[in-house]
Amino acid sequence: MDNYLIQLRRAWAQQDGETLANLLSLRQHPYLHADLEQCMTKAMEYMPPPFDDLVLCHLKTMSTYSSGEDVAVTYANHSTSVQSLVKILQLQKEENWMLPVMFSMCLELRLLAIKAEKGKKNKIVKPGENLEKCAECLLSCFRICAADSRSSEDDTKKWGMLTLVNQLFKVYFKINKLHLCKPLIRAIDSCAYKDQFSLAQQITYKFFVGRKAMFDSDYKGADDYLTFAFQHCHKKSKKNKRLILTYLLPVKMLLGYMPKYSLLRKYNLMEFKDLVEAVKKGDIRSLEETMSKLESFLINAGIYLIVEKLKLIAYRNLFKKVHLALNTHQIEIQSLLCALQIYGRSDIDMDETECLVSNLIFDGKIKGYISHQHKKLVISKQNPFPRLSSLI
């Protein structure tokens, strides 16, 4: 333990953030069975303030972590360690060498919060409470980084902003509080270094912002962000590319771009194959059957409601087929009704069909109008079914 404390003191004195981050990581826990009180006493002798308080908190966390105690206790102790780190960061003016320590400790705080949620024994604690408190700690670090506007580019703590934002995104998505992402996105958008952060962090950021845009029905924005994440993700990271595509594919389909079979096969996303075919054909019955079969997958991925919106695209494609088959710009509503009944909507009537057509016209997916007197859909002679990508 003496050697460990000496290494800590040396790293602190030399302002070696990377080494200090490794030494203060829960993944590096030497002398696990050393006497805690003796270690803490030596730490107070070896370490200068305010570093001594951080080391003491860390030793206490290491002790509960290695002993296999309730993970909630370890999380609480580590949370105290992060609070001690915040005090140090506040005292350090015009220097950012502690950022690696902050990155490591904040990552482990979030992972411990998740474990504490899963292994929660105290039923009084409400679901998500540990993660909410974790977010408060992460925000304390973020505010210090965001407020560091006087330091030079080399020494500013602003370089820590994006890593913390990504950690916060992961917490907010976990507890379903996406509205809390908005001020963080504004902060990054106004940051002078937003295009200079590491590519890995930029990819993570674009992935989460893209997902949020998707949930906000901003499909063009979602397409841009998720496409960036997919294109810049390393080609060997197939698991991450597959995850990005899980959200990018429904967005692309809503914009009228249907993925190729080769792409689905390459990234093992054959779940989308039948969805793509049903939407292209306007086969409502097949689409609903496929959605029912994939319900667990779609819900777990958080894309069920987005895929649900593909039904409107399928209706548009079905009516386009009717138009091409009849080769007329005046289409009987009865003909559309028959097509719907053939492709799975046996329960629909004339009024519902008119309502469906009205929605498609309102959304701009069909250019035309309904002649209620003649029970006809009168479509434009020029481009009656505009490209979906042009409507966003």
Protein backbone atom coordinates (compact mmCIF):
# COMPACT_ATOMS: atom_id res chain seq x y z
CA MET A 1 0.00 0.00 0.00
CA ASP A 2 2.91 2.35 0.69
CA ASN A 3 4.02 1.97 -2.93
CA TYR A 4 0.48 2.74 -4.16
CA LEU A 5 0.30 5.92 -2.08
CA ILE A 6 3.74 6.98 -3.30
CA GLN A 7 2.57 6.53 -6.91
CA LEU A 8 -0.50 8.64 -6.19
CA ARG A 9 1.55 11.43 -4.61
CA ARG A 10 4.05 11.39 -7.49
CA ALA A 11 1.33 11.57 -10.14
CA TRP A 12 -0.31 14.46 -8.30
CA ALA A 13 2.99 16.36 -7.94
CA GLN A 14 3.86 15.80 -11.62
CA GLN A 15 0.34 16.73 -12.73
CA ASP A 16 0.14 13.43 -14.62
CA GLY A 17 -3.59 13.13 -15.24
CA GLU A 18 -3.50 9.87 -17.22
CA THR A 19 -1.49 8.00 -14.57
CA LEU A 20 -3.64 9.45 -11.79
CA ALA A 21 -6.81 8.39 -13.61
CA ASN A 22 -5.52 4.79 -13.75
CA LEU A 23 -4.51 4.82 -10.10
CA LEU A 24 -7.90 6.19 -9.00
CA SER A 25 -9.89 3.78 -11.16
CA LEU A 26 -11.94 1.04 -9.52
CA ARG A 27 -10.58 -1.25 -12.20
CA GLN A 28 -7.14 -0.81 -10.62
CA HIS A 29 -7.47 -1.87 -7.00
CA PRO A 30 -4.15 -2.98 -5.49
CA TYR A 31 -3.87 -4.11 -1.88
CA LEU A 32 -7.56 -4.88 -1.64
CA HIS A 33 -7.15 -6.67 1.65
CA ALA A 34 -5.05 -4.00 3.34
CA ASP A 35 -6.36 -2.54 6.59
CA LEU A 36 -8.58 0.41 5.65
CA GLU A 37 -7.93 2.52 8.76
CA GLN A 38 -4.18 2.07 8.45
CA CYS A 39 -4.33 2.99 4.75
CA MET A 40 -6.37 6.10 5.44
CA THR A 41 -4.01 7.18 8.20
CA LYS A 42 -1.03 6.83 5.86
CA ALA A 43 -2.90 8.66 3.12
CA MET A 44 -3.40 11.66 5.38
CA GLU A 45 0.34 11.67 6.06
CA TYR A 46 1.40 11.23 2.43
CA MET A 47 -1.10 13.39 0.54
CA PRO A 48 -1.27 17.19 0.37
CA PRO A 49 -4.67 18.91 0.61
CA PRO A 50 -7.08 19.02 -1.16
CA PHE A 51 -5.90 15.80 -2.81
CA ASP A 52 -5.92 13.96 0.51
CA ASP A 53 -9.72 14.13 0.76
CA LEU A 54 -10.13 12.60 -2.73
CA VAL A 55 -7.74 9.76 -1.88
CA LEU A 56 -9.53 9.04 1.41
CA CYS A 57 -12.89 8.89 -0.38
CA HIS A 58 -11.42 6.62 -3.03
CA LEU A 59 -9.90 4.22 -0.48
CA LYS A 60 -13.28 3.93 1.21
CA THR A 61 -14.93 3.21 -2.16
CA MET A 62 -12.28 0.62 -3.01
CA SER A 63 -12.86 -1.10 0.31
CA THR A 64 -16.62 -1.55 -0.22
CA TYR A 65 -16.11 -2.38 -3.90
CA SER A 66 -13.65 -5.19 -3.22
CA SER A 67 -15.54 -6.61 -0.23
CA GLY A 68 -18.63 -7.28 -2.35
CA GLU A 69 -20.93 -5.14 -0.19
CA ASP A 70 -24.24 -3.84 -1.48
CA VAL A 71 -23.37 -2.00 -4.70
CA ALA A 72 -25.54 0.92 -3.55
CA VAL A 73 -23.02 1.55 -0.74
CA THR A 74 -20.14 1.51 -3.23
CA TYR A 75 -22.08 3.89 -5.48
CA ALA A 76 -22.72 6.28 -2.58
CA ASN A 77 -19.04 6.24 -1.63
CA HIS A 78 -17.92 6.83 -5.20
CA SER A 79 -20.42 9.67 -5.50
CA THR A 80 -18.68 11.29 -2.53
CA SER A 81 -15.35 10.82 -4.35
CA VAL A 82 -16.70 12.67 -7.40
CA GLN A 83 -17.94 15.50 -5.17
CA SER A 84 -14.42 15.75 -3.72
CA LEU A 85 -13.05 15.87 -7.28
CA VAL A 86 -15.45 18.72 -8.10
CA LYS A 87 -13.92 20.80 -5.28
CA ILE A 88 -10.45 20.21 -6.68
CA LEU A 89 -11.53 21.18 -10.20
CA GLN A 90 -13.05 24.38 -8.83
CA LEU A 91 -9.74 25.30 -7.19
CA GLN A 92 -7.64 24.57 -10.29
CA LYS A 93 -7.64 27.75 -12.35
CA GLU A 94 -6.35 27.77 -15.93
CA GLU A 95 -5.34 24.11 -15.89
CA ASN A 96 -7.06 20.99 -17.17
CA TRP A 97 -4.64 18.16 -16.48
CA MET A 98 -7.20 16.50 -14.15
CA LEU A 99 -9.68 15.91 -17.00
CA PRO A 100 -8.62 12.25 -17.48
CA VAL A 101 -9.38 11.65 -13.80
CA MET A 102 -12.79 13.30 -14.22
CA PHE A 103 -13.56 11.17 -17.30
CA SER A 104 -12.68 7.92 -15.56
CA MET A 105 -14.49 8.67 -12.29
CA CYS A 106 -17.64 9.94 -14.04
CA LEU A 107 -17.81 6.85 -16.26
CA GLU A 108 -17.50 4.55 -13.23
CA LEU A 109 -20.10 6.61 -11.35
CA ARG A 110 -22.66 6.04 -14.13
CA LEU A 111 -21.87 2.31 -14.34
CA LEU A 112 -22.20 1.95 -10.56
CA ALA A 113 -25.51 3.86 -10.63
CA ILE A 114 -26.86 1.37 -13.19
CA LYS A 115 -25.70 -1.57 -11.08
CA ALA A 116 -27.23 0.00 -7.98
CA GLU A 117 -30.55 0.31 -9.83
CA LYS A 118 -30.49 -3.32 -10.92
CA GLY A 119 -29.49 -4.70 -7.52
CA LYS A 120 -31.63 -2.38 -5.46
CA LYS A 121 -32.69 -3.94 -2.18
CA ASN A 122 -34.22 -0.83 -0.64
CA LYS A 123 -37.79 -0.70 -1.95
CA ILE A 124 -38.23 2.80 -0.47
CA VAL A 125 -35.87 4.22 -3.10
CA LYS A 126 -37.89 5.09 -6.22
CA PRO A 127 -36.85 3.70 -9.62
CA GLY A 128 -34.22 5.82 -11.32
CA GLU A 129 -33.28 7.75 -8.17
CA ASN A 130 -29.65 6.61 -8.24
CA LEU A 131 -29.34 7.60 -11.88
CA GLU A 132 -30.94 10.99 -11.22
CA LYS A 133 -28.43 11.66 -8.44
CA CYS A 134 -25.67 10.46 -10.75
CA ALA A 135 -26.80 13.03 -13.33
CA GLU A 136 -26.56 15.77 -10.67
CA CYS A 137 -22.93 14.82 -9.98
CA LEU A 138 -22.13 14.74 -13.69
CA LEU A 139 -23.77 18.15 -14.12
CA SER A 140 -21.57 19.58 -11.36
CA CYS A 141 -18.51 18.57 -13.38
CA PHE A 142 -20.08 19.80 -16.62
CA ARG A 143 -20.81 23.27 -15.21
CA ILE A 144 -17.18 23.70 -14.18
CA CYS A 145 -16.01 22.75 -17.68
CA ALA A 146 -18.58 24.91 -19.46
CA ALA A 147 -17.82 27.95 -17.28
CA ASP A 148 -14.05 27.87 -17.94
CA SER A 149 -13.97 30.67 -20.49
CA ARG A 150 -10.83 32.57 -19.41
CA SER A 151 -8.27 29.81 -19.85
CA SER A 152 -6.21 29.40 -23.02
CA GLU A 153 -7.23 26.79 -25.60
CA ASP A 154 -4.58 24.35 -24.31
CA ASP A 155 -5.57 24.73 -20.66
CA THR A 156 -9.34 25.14 -20.79
CA LYS A 157 -11.59 22.60 -19.13
CA LYS A 158 -14.07 23.05 -21.98
CA TRP A 159 -12.34 20.05 -23.60
CA GLY A 160 -14.20 17.94 -21.06
CA MET A 161 -17.68 19.12 -22.07
CA LEU A 162 -18.56 16.62 -24.79
CA THR A 163 -17.48 13.53 -22.84
CA LEU A 164 -19.68 14.63 -19.93
CA VAL A 165 -22.60 15.46 -22.22
CA ASN A 166 -22.42 11.95 -23.68
CA GLN A 167 -22.44 10.44 -20.18
CA LEU A 168 -25.46 12.58 -19.32
CA PHE A 169 -27.23 11.56 -22.53
CA LYS A 170 -26.80 7.90 -21.54
CA VAL A 171 -28.37 8.62 -18.14
CA TYR A 172 -31.26 10.70 -19.52
CA PHE A 173 -32.11 8.11 -22.17
CA LYS A 174 -32.00 5.42 -19.48
CA ILE A 175 -34.49 7.27 -17.24
CA ASN A 176 -36.52 8.57 -20.22
CA LYS A 177 -35.98 12.30 -19.57
CA LEU A 178 -34.97 13.38 -23.05
CA HIS A 179 -36.15 16.96 -22.50
CA LEU A 180 -33.13 17.45 -20.24
CA CYS A 181 -30.86 16.92 -23.26
CA LYS A 182 -31.92 20.19 -24.87
CA PRO A 183 -29.78 22.63 -22.81
CA LEU A 184 -26.78 20.31 -23.21
CA ILE A 185 -27.22 20.31 -27.01
CA ARG A 186 -27.38 24.12 -26.97
CA ALA A 187 -24.18 24.26 -24.91
CA ILE A 188 -22.29 22.04 -27.38
CA ASP A 189 -23.69 23.86 -30.43
CA SER A 190 -22.36 27.16 -29.03
CA CYS A 191 -18.98 25.71 -28.02
CA ALA A 192 -16.04 26.94 -30.09
CA TYR A 193 -14.45 23.48 -30.02
CA LYS A 194 -17.50 21.47 -31.11
CA ASP A 195 -15.77 20.21 -34.28
CA GLN A 196 -12.44 19.61 -32.56
CA PHE A 197 -13.48 17.07 -29.95
CA SER A 198 -12.29 13.49 -30.48
CA LEU A 199 -14.06 11.71 -33.32
CA ALA A 200 -15.20 8.93 -30.98
CA GLN A 201 -16.99 11.46 -28.76
CA GLN A 202 -18.46 13.26 -31.77
CA ILE A 203 -19.89 9.97 -33.07
CA THR A 204 -21.49 9.18 -29.70
CA TYR A 205 -22.90 12.71 -29.51
CA LYS A 206 -24.38 12.59 -33.04
CA PHE A 207 -25.89 9.17 -32.28
CA PHE A 208 -27.82 10.42 -29.25
CA VAL A 209 -28.79 13.77 -30.80
CA GLY A 210 -29.99 11.84 -33.86
CA ARG A 211 -32.13 9.57 -31.72
CA LYS A 212 -33.61 12.58 -29.92
CA ALA A 213 -34.38 14.26 -33.26
CA MET A 214 -36.12 11.05 -34.36
CA PHE A 215 -38.34 11.07 -31.27
CA ASP A 216 -39.06 14.77 -31.91
CA SER A 217 -40.19 13.88 -35.47
CA ASP A 218 -37.30 15.88 -36.95
CA TYR A 219 -36.48 13.18 -39.48
CA LYS A 220 -34.18 15.30 -41.66
CA GLY A 221 -32.11 16.21 -38.60
CA ALA A 222 -32.16 12.60 -37.40
CA ASP A 223 -30.99 11.46 -40.84
CA ASP A 224 -28.07 13.93 -40.82
CA TYR A 225 -26.88 13.09 -37.30
CA LEU A 226 -27.26 9.32 -37.55
CA THR A 227 -25.70 9.23 -41.02
CA PHE A 228 -22.66 11.08 -39.65
CA ALA A 229 -22.41 8.58 -36.80
CA PHE A 230 -22.71 5.60 -39.17
CA GLN A 231 -20.28 6.88 -41.80
CA HIS A 232 -17.60 7.86 -39.26
CA CYS A 233 -17.92 4.79 -37.04
CA HIS A 234 -14.95 2.47 -37.60
CA LYS A 235 -15.69 -0.19 -40.19
CA LYS A 236 -14.60 -2.93 -37.78
CA SER A 237 -17.12 -1.76 -35.15
CA LYS A 238 -19.96 -3.78 -36.66
CA LYS A 239 -21.85 -3.95 -33.38
CA ASN A 240 -21.94 -0.15 -33.11
CA LYS A 241 -22.77 0.26 -36.80
CA ARG A 242 -25.64 -2.19 -36.38
CA LEU A 243 -26.92 -0.20 -33.39
CA ILE A 244 -26.82 3.06 -35.35
CA LEU A 245 -28.64 1.44 -38.29
CA THR A 246 -31.41 0.22 -35.97
CA TYR A 247 -32.47 3.87 -35.72
CA LEU A 248 -31.23 5.17 -39.07
CA LEU A 249 -33.13 2.62 -41.18
CA PRO A 250 -36.67 3.58 -40.02
CA VAL A 251 -35.76 7.25 -40.47
CA LYS A 252 -34.50 6.59 -44.01
CA MET A 253 -37.67 4.63 -44.78
CA LEU A 254 -39.85 7.52 -43.58
CA LEU A 255 -37.88 9.72 -45.99
CA GLY A 256 -38.58 7.28 -48.82
CA TYR A 257 -35.21 5.52 -48.97
CA MET A 258 -35.59 1.76 -48.71
CA PRO A 259 -32.47 -0.14 -47.56
CA LYS A 260 -30.94 -2.78 -49.81
CA TYR A 261 -31.05 -6.45 -48.90
CA SER A 262 -27.22 -6.58 -48.96
CA LEU A 263 -27.02 -3.92 -46.24
CA LEU A 264 -29.51 -5.75 -44.01
CA ARG A 265 -27.61 -8.99 -44.45
CA LYS A 266 -24.19 -7.40 -43.82
CA TYR A 267 -25.24 -5.96 -40.45
CA ASN A 268 -27.54 -8.80 -39.40
CA LEU A 269 -30.66 -6.66 -39.51
CA MET A 270 -32.88 -9.07 -41.39
CA GLU A 271 -35.72 -8.07 -39.04
CA PHE A 272 -36.22 -5.13 -41.41
CA LYS A 273 -36.45 -7.24 -44.58
CA ASP A 274 -40.19 -8.01 -44.35
CA LEU A 275 -40.92 -4.46 -43.15
CA VAL A 276 -39.19 -3.00 -46.20
CA GLU A 277 -41.01 -5.34 -48.60
CA ALA A 278 -44.42 -4.62 -47.04
CA VAL A 279 -43.95 -0.84 -47.16
CA LYS A 280 -42.69 -0.91 -50.78
CA LYS A 281 -45.66 -3.01 -51.91
CA GLY A 282 -48.20 -1.14 -49.81
CA ASP A 283 -49.15 -4.48 -48.26
CA ILE A 284 -50.85 -3.36 -45.04
CA ARG A 285 -51.67 -6.90 -43.90
CA SER A 286 -48.05 -8.03 -44.23
CA LEU A 287 -46.81 -4.87 -42.51
CA GLU A 288 -49.07 -5.37 -39.49
CA GLU A 289 -48.22 -9.06 -39.27
CA THR A 290 -44.50 -8.27 -39.38
CA MET A 291 -44.83 -5.56 -36.73
CA SER A 292 -46.70 -7.97 -34.50
CA LYS A 293 -44.00 -10.61 -34.98
CA LEU A 294 -41.22 -8.07 -34.25
CA GLU A 295 -43.04 -6.30 -31.43
CA SER A 296 -40.49 -7.18 -28.72
CA PHE A 297 -37.54 -6.17 -30.91
CA LEU A 298 -39.17 -2.87 -31.93
CA ILE A 299 -40.22 -1.96 -28.38
CA ASN A 300 -36.84 -2.85 -26.85
CA ALA A 301 -35.09 -0.79 -29.51
CA GLY A 302 -37.48 2.11 -28.85
CA ILE A 303 -38.59 2.36 -32.49
CA TYR A 304 -42.08 0.83 -32.43
CA LEU A 305 -43.88 4.18 -32.75
CA ILE A 306 -41.55 5.27 -35.55
CA VAL A 307 -42.18 2.05 -37.49
CA GLU A 308 -45.91 2.55 -36.88
CA LYS A 309 -45.64 5.74 -38.94
CA LEU A 310 -44.48 3.67 -41.91
CA LYS A 311 -48.11 2.59 -42.37
CA LEU A 312 -48.87 5.98 -43.91
CA ILE A 313 -46.03 5.43 -46.39
CA ALA A 314 -47.45 2.00 -47.19
CA TYR A 315 -50.91 3.53 -47.85
CA ARG A 316 -49.31 6.13 -50.12
CA ASN A 317 -47.46 3.41 -52.05
CA LEU A 318 -50.62 1.31 -52.38
CA PHE A 319 -52.62 4.23 -53.79
CA LYS A 320 -49.78 4.99 -56.20
CA LYS A 321 -50.05 1.41 -57.48
CA VAL A 322 -53.78 1.91 -58.01
CA HIS A 323 -53.08 5.11 -59.96
CA LEU A 324 -50.52 3.36 -62.18
CA ALA A 325 -52.86 0.40 -62.77
CA LEU A 326 -55.86 2.58 -63.73
CA ASN A 327 -53.75 5.20 -65.57
CA THR A 328 -56.10 8.05 -64.72
CA HIS A 329 -55.88 11.20 -62.62
CA GLN A 330 -59.47 10.73 -61.41
CA ILE A 331 -59.55 7.69 -59.15
CA GLU A 332 -62.77 6.30 -57.69
CA ILE A 333 -62.62 6.18 -53.88
CA GLN A 334 -64.27 2.76 -54.30
CA SER A 335 -61.15 1.57 -56.17
CA LEU A 336 -58.94 2.69 -53.28
CA LEU A 337 -61.30 0.97 -50.85
CA CYS A 338 -61.07 -2.29 -52.80
CA ALA A 339 -57.26 -2.10 -52.79
CA LEU A 340 -57.25 -1.56 -49.02
CA GLN A 341 -59.56 -4.52 -48.49
CA ILE A 342 -57.42 -6.77 -50.70
CA TYR A 343 -54.29 -5.80 -48.74
CA GLY A 344 -55.59 -6.38 -45.25
CA ARG A 345 -58.08 -3.65 -44.31
CA SER A 346 -61.27 -5.69 -44.54
CA ASP A 347 -62.85 -3.59 -41.77
CA ILE A 348 -62.55 -0.23 -43.59
CA ASP A 349 -65.43 1.68 -45.23
CA MET A 350 -65.79 4.60 -47.68
CA ASP A 351 -65.71 7.32 -45.00
CA GLU A 352 -62.52 5.93 -43.42
CA THR A 353 -60.92 5.63 -46.85
CA GLU A 354 -61.71 9.28 -47.60
CA CYS A 355 -60.29 10.26 -44.22
CA LEU A 356 -57.10 8.31 -44.94
CA VAL A 357 -56.74 9.97 -48.35
CA SER A 358 -57.33 13.39 -46.76
CA ASN A 359 -54.49 12.78 -44.32
CA LEU A 360 -52.14 11.85 -47.14
CA ILE A 361 -53.11 14.99 -49.06
CA PHE A 362 -52.67 17.13 -45.94
CA ASP A 363 -49.19 15.66 -45.37
CA GLY A 364 -48.27 16.41 -48.99
CA LYS A 365 -47.78 12.73 -49.80
CA ILE A 366 -50.45 13.02 -52.51
CA LYS A 367 -51.00 16.15 -54.62
CA GLY A 368 -54.69 16.46 -55.32
CA TYR A 369 -58.13 16.82 -53.76
CA ILE A 370 -61.23 14.74 -53.01
CA SER A 371 -64.37 15.36 -55.02
CA HIS A 372 -66.95 14.36 -52.42
CA GLN A 373 -69.79 14.85 -54.89
CA HIS A 374 -68.34 12.31 -57.34
CA LYS A 375 -66.58 10.17 -54.71
CA LYS A 376 -63.29 10.54 -56.51
CA LEU A 377 -59.68 11.39 -55.74
CA VAL A 378 -58.52 13.93 -58.29
CA ILE A 379 -54.74 13.95 -58.42
CA SER A 380 -52.33 16.35 -60.05
CA LYS A 381 -51.28 15.51 -63.60
CA GLN A 382 -47.72 16.48 -62.68
CA ASN A 383 -45.90 14.55 -59.96
CA PRO A 384 -49.02 13.45 -58.00
CA PHE A 385 -46.92 11.35 -55.62
CA PRO A 386 -43.92 13.56 -54.70
CA ARG A 387 -40.68 12.05 -53.46
CA LEU A 388 -40.97 11.64 -49.70
CA SER A 389 -37.54 13.19 -49.15
CA SER A 390 -38.79 16.42 -50.75
CA LEU A 391 -41.54 16.78 -48.12
CA ILE A 392 -39.23 17.25 -45.12
